[in-house]
């Protein structure tokens, strides 16, 4: 089930974040968010809590997208493809790891729309 979390996120009008409601026993493991812009799926955000989960989460993402050999250092990584961009980040302050994957095409449309609105 999807629940609206916020709109006008990341400074873009019409961009809304919906959270996938997960069973309470899994809520500490992962949060899943879907970003919609003008009713079109723009991106997916996966978030996990805790430093202990960071290495495992990062390893899974590197396995899918490629990445530095272990042990890797750094808390922020990006991948750029023709159709999608991926951004992996760990915050020491909040102790959250996030993977955000977004559509290049819709991102370009959002930027053009924001420029026209100025």
PDB file of N, CA and C in Angstrom:
ATOM      1  N   UNK A   1       0.845  -1.174   0.000  1.00  0.00           N
ATOM      2  CA  UNK A   1       0.000   0.000   0.000  1.00  0.00           C
ATOM      3  C   UNK A   1       0.892   1.239   0.000  1.00  0.00           C
ATOM      4  N   UNK A   2       0.543   2.237  -0.793  1.00  0.00           N
ATOM      5  CA  UNK A   2       1.282   3.497  -0.874  1.00  0.00           C
ATOM      6  C   UNK A   2       0.624   4.556  -0.003  1.00  0.00           C
ATOM      7  N   UNK A   3       1.457   5.338   0.678  1.00  0.00           N
ATOM      8  CA  UNK A   3       0.953   6.455   1.476  1.00  0.00           C
ATOM      9  C   UNK A   3       1.735   7.706   1.082  1.00  0.00           C
ATOM     10  N   UNK A   4       1.020   8.781   0.796  1.00  0.00           N
ATOM     11  CA  UNK A   4       1.656  10.046   0.435  1.00  0.00           C
ATOM     12  C   UNK A   4       2.479  10.553   1.608  1.00  0.00           C
ATOM     13  N   UNK A   5       3.757  10.830   1.355  1.00  0.00           N
ATOM     14  CA  UNK A   5       4.647  11.322   2.400  1.00  0.00           C
ATOM     15  C   UNK A   5       4.839  12.828   2.282  1.00  0.00           C
ATOM     16  N   UNK A   6       5.089  13.334   1.060  1.00  0.00           N
ATOM     17  CA  UNK A   6       5.322  14.765   0.868  1.00  0.00           C
ATOM     18  C   UNK A   6       5.219  15.101  -0.614  1.00  0.00           C
ATOM     19  N   UNK A   7       4.902  16.355  -0.904  1.00  0.00           N
ATOM     20  CA  UNK A   7       4.918  16.858  -2.275  1.00  0.00           C
ATOM     21  C   UNK A   7       5.875  18.045  -2.339  1.00  0.00           C
ATOM     22  N   UNK A   8       6.221  18.414  -3.566  1.00  0.00           N
ATOM     23  CA  UNK A   8       7.194  19.478  -3.820  1.00  0.00           C
ATOM     24  C   UNK A   8       8.542  19.131  -3.164  1.00  0.00           C
ATOM     25  N   UNK A   9       8.938  17.854  -3.274  1.00  0.00           N
ATOM     26  CA  UNK A   9      10.200  17.402  -2.684  1.00  0.00           C
ATOM     27  C   UNK A   9      11.366  17.760  -3.592  1.00  0.00           C
ATOM     28  N   UNK A  10      12.541  17.849  -3.007  1.00  0.00           N
ATOM     29  CA  UNK A  10      13.782  18.211  -3.707  1.00  0.00           C
ATOM     30  C   UNK A  10      13.647  19.520  -4.462  1.00  0.00           C
ATOM     31  N   UNK A  11      12.684  20.368  -4.068  1.00  0.00           N
ATOM     32  CA  UNK A  11      12.530  21.674  -4.679  1.00  0.00           C
ATOM     33  C   UNK A  11      11.808  21.683  -6.012  1.00  0.00           C
ATOM     34  N   UNK A  12      11.196  20.564  -6.383  1.00  0.00           N
ATOM     35  CA  UNK A  12      10.468  20.505  -7.654  1.00  0.00           C
ATOM     36  C   UNK A  12       8.967  20.484  -7.410  1.00  0.00           C
ATOM     37  N   UNK A  13       8.288  21.446  -8.030  1.00  0.00           N
ATOM     38  CA  UNK A  13       6.832  21.462  -7.962  1.00  0.00           C
ATOM     39  C   UNK A  13       6.304  20.202  -8.638  1.00  0.00           C
ATOM     40  N   UNK A  14       5.238  19.678  -8.126  1.00  0.00           N
ATOM     41  CA  UNK A  14       4.553  18.507  -8.680  1.00  0.00           C
ATOM     42  C   UNK A  14       5.303  17.195  -8.458  1.00  0.00           C
ATOM     43  N   UNK A  15       6.395  17.210  -7.688  1.00  0.00           N
ATOM     44  CA  UNK A  15       7.110  15.968  -7.386  1.00  0.00           C
ATOM     45  C   UNK A  15       6.666  15.495  -6.008  1.00  0.00           C
ATOM     46  N   UNK A  16       6.060  14.305  -5.973  1.00  0.00           N
ATOM     47  CA  UNK A  16       5.527  13.775  -4.722  1.00  0.00           C
ATOM     48  C   UNK A  16       6.198  12.455  -4.362  1.00  0.00           C
ATOM     49  N   UNK A  17       6.453  12.289  -3.075  1.00  0.00           N
ATOM     50  CA  UNK A  17       7.056  11.075  -2.547  1.00  0.00           C
ATOM     51  C   UNK A  17       5.988  10.256  -1.845  1.00  0.00           C
ATOM     52  N   UNK A  18       5.885   9.008  -2.241  1.00  0.00           N
ATOM     53  CA  UNK A  18       4.987   8.050  -1.609  1.00  0.00           C
ATOM     54  C   UNK A  18       5.836   6.984  -0.941  1.00  0.00           C
ATOM     55  N   UNK A  19       5.485   6.616   0.265  1.00  0.00           N
ATOM     56  CA  UNK A  19       6.172   5.546   0.980  1.00  0.00           C
ATOM     57  C   UNK A  19       5.357   4.261   0.840  1.00  0.00           C
ATOM     58  N   UNK A  20       6.077   3.174   0.613  1.00  0.00           N
ATOM     59  CA  UNK A  20       5.437   1.864   0.587  1.00  0.00           C
ATOM     60  C   UNK A  20       5.334   1.417   2.037  1.00  0.00           C
ATOM     61  N   UNK A  21       4.125   1.129   2.465  1.00  0.00           N
ATOM     62  CA  UNK A  21       3.946   0.684   3.838  1.00  0.00           C
ATOM     63  C   UNK A  21       4.370  -0.776   3.934  1.00  0.00           C
ATOM     64  N   UNK A  22       5.296  -1.054   4.851  1.00  0.00           N
ATOM     65  CA  UNK A  22       5.799  -2.409   5.052  1.00  0.00           C
ATOM     66  C   UNK A  22       5.329  -2.899   6.415  1.00  0.00           C
ATOM     67  N   UNK A  23       5.283  -4.219   6.607  1.00  0.00           N
ATOM     68  CA  UNK A  23       4.873  -4.748   7.913  1.00  0.00           C
ATOM     69  C   UNK A  23       5.790  -4.227   9.013  1.00  0.00           C
ATOM     70  N   UNK A  24       5.263  -4.006  10.211  1.00  0.00           N
ATOM     71  CA  UNK A  24       6.056  -3.427  11.306  1.00  0.00           C
ATOM     72  C   UNK A  24       7.357  -4.182  11.589  1.00  0.00           C
ATOM     73  N   UNK A  25       7.363  -5.502  11.430  1.00  0.00           N
ATOM     74  CA  UNK A  25       8.578  -6.265  11.717  1.00  0.00           C
ATOM     75  C   UNK A  25       9.684  -5.998  10.697  1.00  0.00           C
ATOM     76  N   UNK A  26       9.341  -5.441   9.535  1.00  0.00           N
ATOM     77  CA  UNK A  26      10.333  -5.111   8.509  1.00  0.00           C
ATOM     78  C   UNK A  26      10.649  -3.617   8.439  1.00  0.00           C
ATOM     79  N   UNK A  27       9.938  -2.818   9.206  1.00  0.00           N
ATOM     80  CA  UNK A  27      10.063  -1.357   9.109  1.00  0.00           C
ATOM     81  C   UNK A  27      11.465  -0.874   9.462  1.00  0.00           C
ATOM     82  N   UNK A  28      12.169  -1.581  10.347  1.00  0.00           N
ATOM     83  CA  UNK A  28      13.520  -1.165  10.715  1.00  0.00           C
ATOM     84  C   UNK A  28      14.547  -1.551   9.663  1.00  0.00           C
ATOM     85  N   UNK A  29      14.213  -2.455   8.767  1.00  0.00           N
ATOM     86  CA  UNK A  29      15.159  -2.969   7.786  1.00  0.00           C
ATOM     87  C   UNK A  29      15.289  -2.074   6.562  1.00  0.00           C
ATOM     88  N   UNK A  30      14.152  -1.689   5.976  1.00  0.00           N
ATOM     89  CA  UNK A  30      14.207  -0.918   4.736  1.00  0.00           C
ATOM     90  C   UNK A  30      12.957  -0.060   4.584  1.00  0.00           C
ATOM     91  N   UNK A  31      13.162   1.121   4.024  1.00  0.00           N
ATOM     92  CA  UNK A  31      12.046   1.980   3.629  1.00  0.00           C
ATOM     93  C   UNK A  31      12.076   2.071   2.114  1.00  0.00           C
ATOM     94  N   UNK A  32      10.908   2.019   1.506  1.00  0.00           N
ATOM     95  CA  UNK A  32      10.805   2.110   0.053  1.00  0.00           C
ATOM     96  C   UNK A  32       9.953   3.325  -0.275  1.00  0.00           C
ATOM     97  N   UNK A  33      10.503   4.213  -1.101  1.00  0.00           N
ATOM     98  CA  UNK A  33       9.774   5.390  -1.531  1.00  0.00           C
ATOM     99  C   UNK A  33       9.693   5.440  -3.045  1.00  0.00           C
ATOM    100  N   UNK A  34       8.566   5.891  -3.541  1.00  0.00           N
ATOM    101  CA  UNK A  34       8.377   6.076  -4.978  1.00  0.00           C
ATOM    102  C   UNK A  34       8.131   7.556  -5.230  1.00  0.00           C
ATOM    103  N   UNK A  35       8.843   8.115  -6.201  1.00  0.00           N
ATOM    104  CA  UNK A  35       8.702   9.523  -6.559  1.00  0.00           C
ATOM    105  C   UNK A  35       7.900   9.632  -7.857  1.00  0.00           C
ATOM    106  N   UNK A  36       6.835  10.399  -7.791  1.00  0.00           N
ATOM    107  CA  UNK A  36       6.005  10.615  -8.974  1.00  0.00           C
ATOM    108  C   UNK A  36       6.015  12.100  -9.323  1.00  0.00           C
ATOM    109  N   UNK A  37       6.173  12.395 -10.601  1.00  0.00           N
ATOM    110  CA  UNK A  37       6.089  13.760 -11.091  1.00  0.00           C
ATOM    111  C   UNK A  37       4.958  13.805 -12.115  1.00  0.00           C
ATOM    112  N   UNK A  38       3.973  14.603 -11.815  1.00  0.00           N
ATOM    113  CA  UNK A  38       2.797  14.727 -12.694  1.00  0.00           C
ATOM    114  C   UNK A  38       2.238  13.355 -13.056  1.00  0.00           C
ATOM    115  N   UNK A  39       2.083  12.540 -12.008  1.00  0.00           N
ATOM    116  CA  UNK A  39       1.475  11.205 -12.102  1.00  0.00           C
ATOM    117  C   UNK A  39       2.293  10.199 -12.899  1.00  0.00           C
ATOM    118  N   UNK A  40       3.591  10.482 -13.113  1.00  0.00           N
ATOM    119  CA  UNK A  40       4.485   9.546 -13.805  1.00  0.00           C
ATOM    120  C   UNK A  40       5.587   9.139 -12.836  1.00  0.00           C
ATOM    121  N   UNK A  41       5.926   7.852 -12.836  1.00  0.00           N
ATOM    122  CA  UNK A  41       6.976   7.369 -11.939  1.00  0.00           C
ATOM    123  C   UNK A  41       8.315   7.951 -12.368  1.00  0.00           C
ATOM    124  N   UNK A  42       8.918   8.729 -11.478  1.00  0.00           N
ATOM    125  CA  UNK A  42      10.202   9.372 -11.737  1.00  0.00           C
ATOM    126  C   UNK A  42      11.360   8.592 -11.126  1.00  0.00           C
ATOM    127  N   UNK A  43      11.141   8.033  -9.946  1.00  0.00           N
ATOM    128  CA  UNK A  43      12.244   7.359  -9.297  1.00  0.00           C
ATOM    129  C   UNK A  43      11.831   6.479  -8.134  1.00  0.00           C
ATOM    130  N   UNK A  44      12.825   5.729  -7.659  1.00  0.00           N
ATOM    131  CA  UNK A  44      12.665   4.831  -6.525  1.00  0.00           C
ATOM    132  C   UNK A  44      13.762   5.156  -5.527  1.00  0.00           C
ATOM    133  N   UNK A  45      13.404   5.189  -4.248  1.00  0.00           N
ATOM    134  CA  UNK A  45      14.371   5.446  -3.194  1.00  0.00           C
ATOM    135  C   UNK A  45      14.291   4.320  -2.165  1.00  0.00           C
ATOM    136  N   UNK A  46      15.420   3.660  -1.945  1.00  0.00           N
ATOM    137  CA  UNK A  46      15.516   2.622  -0.924  1.00  0.00           C
ATOM    138  C   UNK A  46      16.403   3.158   0.187  1.00  0.00           C
ATOM    139  N   UNK A  47      15.955   3.016   1.422  1.00  0.00           N
ATOM    140  CA  UNK A  47      16.700   3.524   2.567  1.00  0.00           C
ATOM    141  C   UNK A  47      16.783   2.445   3.630  1.00  0.00           C
ATOM    142  N   UNK A  48      17.954   2.311   4.223  1.00  0.00           N
ATOM    143  CA  UNK A  48      18.144   1.389   5.333  1.00  0.00           C
ATOM    144  C   UNK A  48      18.813   2.132   6.478  1.00  0.00           C
ATOM    145  N   UNK A  49      18.544   1.693   7.679  1.00  0.00           N
ATOM    146  CA  UNK A  49      19.027   2.382   8.878  1.00  0.00           C
ATOM    147  C   UNK A  49      20.203   1.634   9.485  1.00  0.00           C
ATOM    148  N   UNK A  50      21.181   2.377   9.961  1.00  0.00           N
ATOM    149  CA  UNK A  50      22.257   1.817  10.760  1.00  0.00           C
ATOM    150  C   UNK A  50      23.553   1.586  10.008  1.00  0.00           C
ATOM    151  N   UNK A  51      24.643   1.865  10.687  1.00  0.00           N
ATOM    152  CA  UNK A  51      25.982   1.686  10.108  1.00  0.00           C
ATOM    153  C   UNK A  51      26.234   0.228   9.735  1.00  0.00           C
ATOM    154  N   UNK A  52      25.726  -0.713  10.534  1.00  0.00           N
ATOM    155  CA  UNK A  52      25.974  -2.133  10.269  1.00  0.00           C
ATOM    156  C   UNK A  52      25.335  -2.572   8.948  1.00  0.00           C
ATOM    157  N   UNK A  53      24.278  -1.912   8.536  1.00  0.00           N
ATOM    158  CA  UNK A  53      23.617  -2.265   7.281  1.00  0.00           C
ATOM    159  C   UNK A  53      24.293  -1.635   6.068  1.00  0.00           C
ATOM    160  N   UNK A  54      25.105  -0.582   6.277  1.00  0.00           N
ATOM    161  CA  UNK A  54      25.706   0.165   5.179  1.00  0.00           C
ATOM    162  C   UNK A  54      26.595  -0.717   4.317  1.00  0.00           C
ATOM    163  N   UNK A  55      27.507  -1.480   4.915  1.00  0.00           N
ATOM    164  CA  UNK A  55      28.434  -2.300   4.134  1.00  0.00           C
ATOM    165  C   UNK A  55      27.687  -3.336   3.300  1.00  0.00           C
ATOM    166  N   UNK A  56      26.690  -3.968   3.883  1.00  0.00           N
ATOM    167  CA  UNK A  56      25.912  -4.975   3.152  1.00  0.00           C
ATOM    168  C   UNK A  56      25.116  -4.326   2.014  1.00  0.00           C
ATOM    169  N   UNK A  57      24.466  -3.217   2.324  1.00  0.00           N
ATOM    170  CA  UNK A  57      23.661  -2.489   1.335  1.00  0.00           C
ATOM    171  C   UNK A  57      24.543  -2.023   0.178  1.00  0.00           C
ATOM    172  N   UNK A  58      25.694  -1.420   0.519  1.00  0.00           N
ATOM    173  CA  UNK A  58      26.634  -0.949  -0.488  1.00  0.00           C
ATOM    174  C   UNK A  58      27.124  -2.114  -1.354  1.00  0.00           C
ATOM    175  N   UNK A  59      27.440  -3.241  -0.732  1.00  0.00           N
ATOM    176  CA  UNK A  59      27.880  -4.420  -1.475  1.00  0.00           C
ATOM    177  C   UNK A  59      26.831  -4.914  -2.462  1.00  0.00           C
ATOM    178  N   UNK A  60      25.569  -4.898  -2.061  1.00  0.00           N
ATOM    179  CA  UNK A  60      24.487  -5.319  -2.963  1.00  0.00           C
ATOM    180  C   UNK A  60      24.384  -4.373  -4.151  1.00  0.00           C
ATOM    181  N   UNK A  61      24.484  -3.068  -3.889  1.00  0.00           N
ATOM    182  CA  UNK A  61      24.381  -2.078  -4.971  1.00  0.00           C
ATOM    183  C   UNK A  61      25.572  -2.204  -5.915  1.00  0.00           C
ATOM    184  N   UNK A  62      26.781  -2.355  -5.356  1.00  0.00           N
ATOM    185  CA  UNK A  62      27.960  -2.540  -6.200  1.00  0.00           C
ATOM    186  C   UNK A  62      27.827  -3.796  -7.051  1.00  0.00           C
ATOM    187  N   UNK A  63      27.245  -4.858  -6.488  1.00  0.00           N
ATOM    188  CA  UNK A  63      27.033  -6.089  -7.242  1.00  0.00           C
ATOM    189  C   UNK A  63      26.129  -5.876  -8.444  1.00  0.00           C
ATOM    190  N   UNK A  64      25.178  -4.963  -8.300  1.00  0.00           N
ATOM    191  CA  UNK A  64      24.231  -4.687  -9.388  1.00  0.00           C
ATOM    192  C   UNK A  64      24.791  -3.693 -10.400  1.00  0.00           C
ATOM    193  N   UNK A  65      25.411  -2.617  -9.924  1.00  0.00           N
ATOM    194  CA  UNK A  65      25.836  -1.526 -10.798  1.00  0.00           C
ATOM    195  C   UNK A  65      27.344  -1.467 -11.039  1.00  0.00           C
ATOM    196  N   UNK A  66      28.111  -2.274 -10.294  1.00  0.00           N
ATOM    197  CA  UNK A  66      29.568  -2.186 -10.365  1.00  0.00           C
ATOM    198  C   UNK A  66      30.044  -1.151  -9.373  1.00  0.00           C
ATOM    199  N   UNK A  67      31.293  -1.281  -8.964  1.00  0.00           N
ATOM    200  CA  UNK A  67      31.811  -0.323  -8.003  1.00  0.00           C
ATOM    201  C   UNK A  67      33.226  -0.683  -7.615  1.00  0.00           C
ATOM    202  N   UNK A  68      33.813   0.106  -6.736  1.00  0.00           N
ATOM    203  CA  UNK A  68      35.186  -0.153  -6.323  1.00  0.00           C
ATOM    204  C   UNK A  68      35.306  -1.488  -5.609  1.00  0.00           C
ATOM    205  N   UNK A  69      36.471  -2.064  -5.666  1.00  0.00           N
ATOM    206  CA  UNK A  69      36.681  -3.332  -4.980  1.00  0.00           C
ATOM    207  C   UNK A  69      36.666  -3.112  -3.474  1.00  0.00           C
ATOM    208  N   UNK A  70      36.261  -4.114  -2.757  1.00  0.00           N
ATOM    209  CA  UNK A  70      36.209  -4.023  -1.293  1.00  0.00           C
ATOM    210  C   UNK A  70      37.618  -4.104  -0.731  1.00  0.00           C
ATOM    211  N   UNK A  71      37.956  -3.542   0.399  1.00  0.00           N
ATOM    212  CA  UNK A  71      37.026  -2.639   1.077  1.00  0.00           C
ATOM    213  C   UNK A  71      37.081  -1.255   0.427  1.00  0.00           C
ATOM    214  N   UNK A  72      35.939  -0.714   0.174  1.00  0.00           N
ATOM    215  CA  UNK A  72      35.901   0.597  -0.465  1.00  0.00           C
ATOM    216  C   UNK A  72      35.726   1.670   0.602  1.00  0.00           C
ATOM    217  N   UNK A  73      36.195   2.852   0.292  1.00  0.00           N
ATOM    218  CA  UNK A  73      36.017   3.965   1.205  1.00  0.00           C
ATOM    219  C   UNK A  73      35.112   4.975   0.524  1.00  0.00           C
ATOM    220  N   UNK A  74      34.553   5.831   1.299  1.00  0.00           N
ATOM    221  CA  UNK A  74      33.662   6.846   0.757  1.00  0.00           C
ATOM    222  C   UNK A  74      32.232   6.571   1.154  1.00  0.00           C
ATOM    223  N   UNK A  75      31.445   7.610   1.129  1.00  0.00           N
ATOM    224  CA  UNK A  75      30.060   7.515   1.550  1.00  0.00           C
ATOM    225  C   UNK A  75      29.086   7.942   0.462  1.00  0.00           C
ATOM    226  N   UNK A  76      29.604   8.222  -0.748  1.00  0.00           N
ATOM    227  CA  UNK A  76      28.727   8.696  -1.816  1.00  0.00           C
ATOM    228  C   UNK A  76      29.246   8.182  -3.154  1.00  0.00           C
ATOM    229  N   UNK A  77      28.337   7.594  -3.939  1.00  0.00           N
ATOM    230  CA  UNK A  77      28.691   7.014  -5.235  1.00  0.00           C
ATOM    231  C   UNK A  77      27.583   7.328  -6.233  1.00  0.00           C
ATOM    232  N   UNK A  78      27.947   7.490  -7.507  1.00  0.00           N
ATOM    233  CA  UNK A  78      26.961   7.776  -8.555  1.00  0.00           C
ATOM    234  C   UNK A  78      27.222   6.930  -9.779  1.00  0.00           C
ATOM    235  N   UNK A  79      26.139   6.591 -10.462  1.00  0.00           N
ATOM    236  CA  UNK A  79      26.199   5.892 -11.735  1.00  0.00           C
ATOM    237  C   UNK A  79      25.301   6.656 -12.700  1.00  0.00           C
ATOM    238  N   UNK A  80      25.784   6.857 -13.913  1.00  0.00           N
ATOM    239  CA  UNK A  80      25.003   7.590 -14.911  1.00  0.00           C
ATOM    240  C   UNK A  80      24.825   6.711 -16.133  1.00  0.00           C
ATOM    241  N   UNK A  81      23.580   6.465 -16.490  1.00  0.00           N
ATOM    242  CA  UNK A  81      23.252   5.700 -17.678  1.00  0.00           C
ATOM    243  C   UNK A  81      22.438   6.561 -18.625  1.00  0.00           C
ATOM    244  N   UNK A  82      22.132   6.007 -19.780  1.00  0.00           N
ATOM    245  CA  UNK A  82      21.337   6.761 -20.760  1.00  0.00           C
ATOM    246  C   UNK A  82      19.923   7.015 -20.269  1.00  0.00           C
ATOM    247  N   UNK A  83      19.345   6.050 -19.571  1.00  0.00           N
ATOM    248  CA  UNK A  83      17.946   6.156 -19.161  1.00  0.00           C
ATOM    249  C   UNK A  83      17.758   6.447 -17.681  1.00  0.00           C
ATOM    250  N   UNK A  84      18.770   6.151 -16.871  1.00  0.00           N
ATOM    251  CA  UNK A  84      18.611   6.336 -15.427  1.00  0.00           C
ATOM    252  C   UNK A  84      19.913   6.793 -14.777  1.00  0.00           C
ATOM    253  N   UNK A  85      19.743   7.475 -13.657  1.00  0.00           N
ATOM    254  CA  UNK A  85      20.854   7.876 -12.803  1.00  0.00           C
ATOM    255  C   UNK A  85      20.644   7.201 -11.452  1.00  0.00           C
ATOM    256  N   UNK A  86      21.724   6.756 -10.837  1.00  0.00           N
ATOM    257  CA  UNK A  86      21.635   6.154  -9.506  1.00  0.00           C
ATOM    258  C   UNK A  86      22.603   6.889  -8.583  1.00  0.00           C
ATOM    259  N   UNK A  87      22.169   7.101  -7.352  1.00  0.00           N
ATOM    260  CA  UNK A  87      22.977   7.802  -6.357  1.00  0.00           C
ATOM    261  C   UNK A  87      22.885   7.028  -5.048  1.00  0.00           C
ATOM    262  N   UNK A  88      24.032   6.593  -4.541  1.00  0.00           N
ATOM    263  CA  UNK A  88      24.116   5.860  -3.284  1.00  0.00           C
ATOM    264  C   UNK A  88      24.809   6.753  -2.267  1.00  0.00           C
ATOM    265  N   UNK A  89      24.243   6.866  -1.062  1.00  0.00           N
ATOM    266  CA  UNK A  89      24.757   7.803  -0.081  1.00  0.00           C
ATOM    267  C   UNK A  89      24.573   7.248   1.323  1.00  0.00           C
ATOM    268  N   UNK A  90      25.564   7.474   2.168  1.00  0.00           N
ATOM    269  CA  UNK A  90      25.435   7.147   3.594  1.00  0.00           C
ATOM    270  C   UNK A  90      25.647   8.406   4.407  1.00  0.00           C
ATOM    271  N   UNK A  91      24.739   8.687   5.322  1.00  0.00           N
ATOM    272  CA  UNK A  91      24.842   9.854   6.207  1.00  0.00           C
ATOM    273  C   UNK A  91      25.260   9.387   7.597  1.00  0.00           C
ATOM    274  N   UNK A  92      26.408   9.861   8.055  1.00  0.00           N
ATOM    275  CA  UNK A  92      26.857   9.529   9.408  1.00  0.00           C
ATOM    276  C   UNK A  92      25.963  10.193  10.453  1.00  0.00           C
ATOM    277  N   UNK A  93      25.409  11.334  10.110  1.00  0.00           N
ATOM    278  CA  UNK A  93      24.558  12.068  11.053  1.00  0.00           C
ATOM    279  C   UNK A  93      23.266  11.304  11.347  1.00  0.00           C
ATOM    280  N   UNK A  94      22.552  10.891  10.286  1.00  0.00           N
ATOM    281  CA  UNK A  94      21.286  10.188  10.480  1.00  0.00           C
ATOM    282  C   UNK A  94      21.464   8.673  10.545  1.00  0.00           C
ATOM    283  N   UNK A  95      22.674   8.203  10.172  1.00  0.00           N
ATOM    284  CA  UNK A  95      22.978   6.772  10.106  1.00  0.00           C
ATOM    285  C   UNK A  95      22.030   6.048   9.146  1.00  0.00           C
ATOM    286  N   UNK A  96      21.741   6.711   8.027  1.00  0.00           N
ATOM    287  CA  UNK A  96      20.886   6.114   6.999  1.00  0.00           C
ATOM    288  C   UNK A  96      21.659   5.985   5.701  1.00  0.00           C
ATOM    289  N   UNK A  97      21.433   4.875   5.027  1.00  0.00           N
ATOM    290  CA  UNK A  97      21.969   4.653   3.692  1.00  0.00           C
ATOM    291  C   UNK A  97      20.817   4.722   2.716  1.00  0.00           C
ATOM    292  N   UNK A  98      21.009   5.438   1.610  1.00  0.00           N
ATOM    293  CA  UNK A  98      19.940   5.598   0.625  1.00  0.00           C
ATOM    294  C   UNK A  98      20.450   5.330  -0.779  1.00  0.00           C
ATOM    295  N   UNK A  99      19.623   4.675  -1.556  1.00  0.00           N
ATOM    296  CA  UNK A  99      19.861   4.494  -2.982  1.00  0.00           C
ATOM    297  C   UNK A  99      18.693   5.134  -3.702  1.00  0.00           C
ATOM    298  N   UNK A 100      19.006   6.102  -4.551  1.00  0.00           N
ATOM    299  CA  UNK A 100      17.992   6.801  -5.329  1.00  0.00           C
ATOM    300  C   UNK A 100      18.265   6.532  -6.800  1.00  0.00           C
ATOM    301  N   UNK A 101      17.274   6.011  -7.499  1.00  0.00           N
ATOM    302  CA  UNK A 101      17.379   5.750  -8.940  1.00  0.00           C
ATOM    303  C   UNK A 101      16.276   6.546  -9.618  1.00  0.00           C
ATOM    304  N   UNK A 102      16.672   7.411 -10.575  1.00  0.00           N
ATOM    305  CA  UNK A 102      15.690   8.291 -11.219  1.00  0.00           C
ATOM    306  C   UNK A 102      15.800   8.229 -12.739  1.00  0.00           C
ATOM    307  N   UNK A 103      14.730   8.613 -13.399  1.00  0.00           N
ATOM    308  CA  UNK A 103      14.636   8.642 -14.853  1.00  0.00           C
ATOM    309  C   UNK A 103      15.312   9.884 -15.408  1.00  0.00           C
ATOM    310  N   UNK A 104      16.219   9.705 -16.361  1.00  0.00           N
ATOM    311  CA  UNK A 104      16.880  10.832 -17.022  1.00  0.00           C
ATOM    312  C   UNK A 104      15.856  11.644 -17.813  1.00  0.00           C
ATOM    313  N   UNK A 105      15.014  10.967 -18.565  1.00  0.00           N
ATOM    314  CA  UNK A 105      14.032  11.643 -19.419  1.00  0.00           C
ATOM    315  C   UNK A 105      13.089  12.530 -18.608  1.00  0.00           C
ATOM    316  N   UNK A 106      12.524  11.981 -17.533  1.00  0.00           N
ATOM    317  CA  UNK A 106      11.595  12.768 -16.726  1.00  0.00           C
ATOM    318  C   UNK A 106      12.346  13.871 -15.985  1.00  0.00           C
ATOM    319  N   UNK A 107      13.578  13.591 -15.546  1.00  0.00           N
ATOM    320  CA  UNK A 107      14.392  14.626 -14.897  1.00  0.00           C
ATOM    321  C   UNK A 107      14.635  15.807 -15.815  1.00  0.00           C
ATOM    322  N   UNK A 108      14.917  15.525 -17.084  1.00  0.00           N
ATOM    323  CA  UNK A 108      15.098  16.606 -18.061  1.00  0.00           C
ATOM    324  C   UNK A 108      13.819  17.414 -18.217  1.00  0.00           C
ATOM    325  N   UNK A 109      12.659  16.733 -18.254  1.00  0.00           N
ATOM    326  CA  UNK A 109      11.377  17.423 -18.379  1.00  0.00           C
ATOM    327  C   UNK A 109      11.127  18.303 -17.152  1.00  0.00           C
ATOM    328  N   UNK A 110      11.478  17.805 -15.963  1.00  0.00           N
ATOM    329  CA  UNK A 110      11.290  18.573 -14.729  1.00  0.00           C
ATOM    330  C   UNK A 110      12.136  19.845 -14.767  1.00  0.00           C
ATOM    331  N   UNK A 111      13.385  19.720 -15.205  1.00  0.00           N
ATOM    332  CA  UNK A 111      14.263  20.901 -15.279  1.00  0.00           C
ATOM    333  C   UNK A 111      13.732  21.929 -16.261  1.00  0.00           C
ATOM    334  N   UNK A 112      13.289  21.465 -17.438  1.00  0.00           N
ATOM    335  CA  UNK A 112      12.728  22.399 -18.435  1.00  0.00           C
ATOM    336  C   UNK A 112      11.501  23.098 -17.869  1.00  0.00           C
ATOM    337  N   UNK A 113      10.647  22.356 -17.188  1.00  0.00           N
ATOM    338  CA  UNK A 113       9.431  22.931 -16.607  1.00  0.00           C
ATOM    339  C   UNK A 113       9.785  23.960 -15.532  1.00  0.00           C
ATOM    340  N   UNK A 114      10.800  23.661 -14.722  1.00  0.00           N
ATOM    341  CA  UNK A 114      11.216  24.592 -13.664  1.00  0.00           C
ATOM    342  C   UNK A 114      11.783  25.871 -14.280  1.00  0.00           C
ATOM    343  N   UNK A 115      12.544  25.741 -15.366  1.00  0.00           N
ATOM    344  CA  UNK A 115      13.113  26.916 -16.034  1.00  0.00           C
ATOM    345  C   UNK A 115      12.021  27.777 -16.659  1.00  0.00           C
ATOM    346  N   UNK A 116      11.005  27.141 -17.231  1.00  0.00           N
ATOM    347  CA  UNK A 116       9.916  27.898 -17.842  1.00  0.00           C
ATOM    348  C   UNK A 116       9.089  28.628 -16.798  1.00  0.00           C
ATOM    349  N   UNK A 117       9.044  28.060 -15.586  1.00  0.00           N
ATOM    350  CA  UNK A 117       8.259  28.666 -14.511  1.00  0.00           C
ATOM    351  C   UNK A 117       8.924  29.876 -13.884  1.00  0.00           C
ATOM    352  N   UNK A 118      10.206  30.103 -14.197  1.00  0.00           N
ATOM    353  CA  UNK A 118      10.932  31.236 -13.602  1.00  0.00           C
ATOM    354  C   UNK A 118      10.689  32.503 -14.352  1.00  0.00           C
TER     355      UNK A 118
END
